[in-house]
Every structure is written in C-alpha cells, then in structure tokens.
Amino acid sequence: MGQSMIDWLISVPVWIQTPLVVAIIIPVAGILAWGLYRLSAKALPLSEAERAYLAADKGTEQKEDSQ
C-alpha cells in the first residue's frame, strides 16, 4: 500500500504535489524545531542573570537613558 501511494504522489502534477508536501513539511519542521528548543533548554539552562533579565521585562538599561 505504501509503495502505491508513493507512486501516485510521484505521478501527480506539481501543482498538486506542492501543497501536499508543504502541508506535511511545515508541521514536521515545527515539531522538530520545538523538540530541538526543548532539548537545548534542558542541555543549556538559563543562568540566574539571564532569568533576572528576562523576568525584568524591560530589556537593557538603554531605555531609561534615552528618556
């Protein structure tokens, strides 16, 4: 069954293949990106300084200087 499906996909016109491939690639790429993000977050945890910077929600001190 799998081989006949691949043969069908190869034989259909490109204007049908393109949306099918994009519809499959975007979710797969999103899932892989999410997995890599989670893996990197576990492998490289944030330091306390990084956590404080992100929690402050105001970025660098340049904002205060420009006002």
C-alpha atoms as a PDB file:
ATOM      1  CA  MET A   1       0.000   0.000   0.000  1.00  0.00           C
ATOM      2  CA  GLY A   2       2.795   2.431   0.862  1.00  0.00           C
ATOM      3  CA  GLN A   3       4.571   1.910  -2.428  1.00  0.00           C
ATOM      4  CA  SER A   4       1.428   2.557  -4.473  1.00  0.00           C
ATOM      5  CA  MET A   5       0.849   5.767  -2.548  1.00  0.00           C
ATOM      6  CA  ILE A   6       4.395   6.941  -3.294  1.00  0.00           C
ATOM      7  CA  ASP A   7       3.941   6.027  -6.965  1.00  0.00           C
ATOM      8  CA  TRP A   8       0.713   8.031  -7.042  1.00  0.00           C
ATOM      9  CA  LEU A   9       2.364  11.047  -5.412  1.00  0.00           C
ATOM     10  CA  ILE A  10       5.251  10.963  -7.879  1.00  0.00           C
ATOM     11  CA  SER A  11       2.921  10.756 -10.869  1.00  0.00           C
ATOM     12  CA  VAL A  12       0.543  13.613  -9.920  1.00  0.00           C
ATOM     13  CA  PRO A  13       1.154  17.102 -11.321  1.00  0.00           C
ATOM     14  CA  VAL A  14       3.456  19.501  -9.451  1.00  0.00           C
ATOM     15  CA  TRP A  15       0.602  21.875  -8.639  1.00  0.00           C
ATOM     16  CA  ILE A  16      -0.929  19.071  -6.543  1.00  0.00           C
ATOM     17  CA  GLN A  17       2.376  17.850  -5.096  1.00  0.00           C
ATOM     18  CA  THR A  18       3.453  21.260  -3.810  1.00  0.00           C
ATOM     19  CA  PRO A  19       0.575  21.922  -1.370  1.00  0.00           C
ATOM     20  CA  LEU A  20       0.702  18.325  -0.153  1.00  0.00           C
ATOM     21  CA  VAL A  21       4.427  18.489   0.534  1.00  0.00           C
ATOM     22  CA  VAL A  22       4.155  21.901   2.210  1.00  0.00           C
ATOM     23  CA  ALA A  23       1.240  20.696   4.338  1.00  0.00           C
ATOM     24  CA  ILE A  24       3.445  17.867   5.584  1.00  0.00           C
ATOM     25  CA  ILE A  25       6.768  19.708   5.885  1.00  0.00           C
ATOM     26  CA  ILE A  26       5.515  22.680   7.938  1.00  0.00           C
ATOM     27  CA  PRO A  27       4.097  20.614  10.840  1.00  0.00           C
ATOM     28  CA  VAL A  28       7.076  18.233  10.793  1.00  0.00           C
ATOM     29  CA  ALA A  29       9.528  21.151  10.829  1.00  0.00           C
ATOM     30  CA  GLY A  30       7.574  22.801  13.639  1.00  0.00           C
ATOM     31  CA  ILE A  31       7.632  19.659  15.744  1.00  0.00           C
ATOM     32  CA  LEU A  32      11.362  19.201  15.136  1.00  0.00           C
ATOM     33  CA  ALA A  33      12.058  22.851  16.000  1.00  0.00           C
ATOM     34  CA  TRP A  34      10.037  22.555  19.197  1.00  0.00           C
ATOM     35  CA  GLY A  35      11.920  19.372  20.119  1.00  0.00           C
ATOM     36  CA  LEU A  36      15.298  20.972  19.486  1.00  0.00           C
ATOM     37  CA  TYR A  37      14.261  24.002  21.519  1.00  0.00           C
ATOM     38  CA  ARG A  38      13.232  21.820  24.460  1.00  0.00           C
ATOM     39  CA  LEU A  39      16.432  19.780  24.164  1.00  0.00           C
ATOM     40  CA  SER A  40      18.593  22.900  24.135  1.00  0.00           C
ATOM     41  CA  ALA A  41      16.688  24.338  27.098  1.00  0.00           C
ATOM     42  CA  LYS A  42      17.455  21.189  29.076  1.00  0.00           C
ATOM     43  CA  ALA A  43      21.097  20.977  27.937  1.00  0.00           C
ATOM     44  CA  LEU A  44      21.833  24.695  28.385  1.00  0.00           C
ATOM     45  CA  PRO A  45      19.764  26.003  31.293  1.00  0.00           C
ATOM     46  CA  LEU A  46      19.490  29.748  31.884  1.00  0.00           C
ATOM     47  CA  SER A  47      21.782  31.365  34.435  1.00  0.00           C
ATOM     48  CA  GLU A  48      20.383  33.491  37.252  1.00  0.00           C
ATOM     49  CA  ALA A  49      21.436  36.686  35.445  1.00  0.00           C
ATOM     50  CA  GLU A  50      19.588  35.581  32.304  1.00  0.00           C
ATOM     51  CA  ARG A  51      16.500  34.690  34.320  1.00  0.00           C
ATOM     52  CA  ALA A  52      16.559  38.101  36.033  1.00  0.00           C
ATOM     53  CA  TYR A  53      16.964  39.866  32.682  1.00  0.00           C
ATOM     54  CA  LEU A  54      14.023  38.017  31.152  1.00  0.00           C
ATOM     55  CA  ALA A  55      11.876  38.472  34.256  1.00  0.00           C
ATOM     56  CA  ALA A  56      12.502  42.225  34.372  1.00  0.00           C
ATOM     57  CA  ASP A  57      10.706  42.574  31.022  1.00  0.00           C
ATOM     58  CA  LYS A  58      12.344  45.884  30.286  1.00  0.00           C
ATOM     59  CA  GLY A  59      15.432  44.890  28.303  1.00  0.00           C
ATOM     60  CA  THR A  60      18.640  46.814  28.715  1.00  0.00           C
ATOM     61  CA  GLU A  61      19.141  49.977  30.647  1.00  0.00           C
ATOM     62  CA  GLN A  62      19.370  51.937  27.391  1.00  0.00           C
ATOM     63  CA  LYS A  63      15.627  52.547  27.535  1.00  0.00           C
ATOM     64  CA  GLU A  64      15.973  54.612  30.679  1.00  0.00           C
ATOM     65  CA  ASP A  65      18.920  56.580  29.272  1.00  0.00           C
ATOM     66  CA  SER A  66      17.019  57.607  26.140  1.00  0.00           C
ATOM     67  CA  GLN A  67      14.077  59.112  28.036  1.00  0.00           C
END
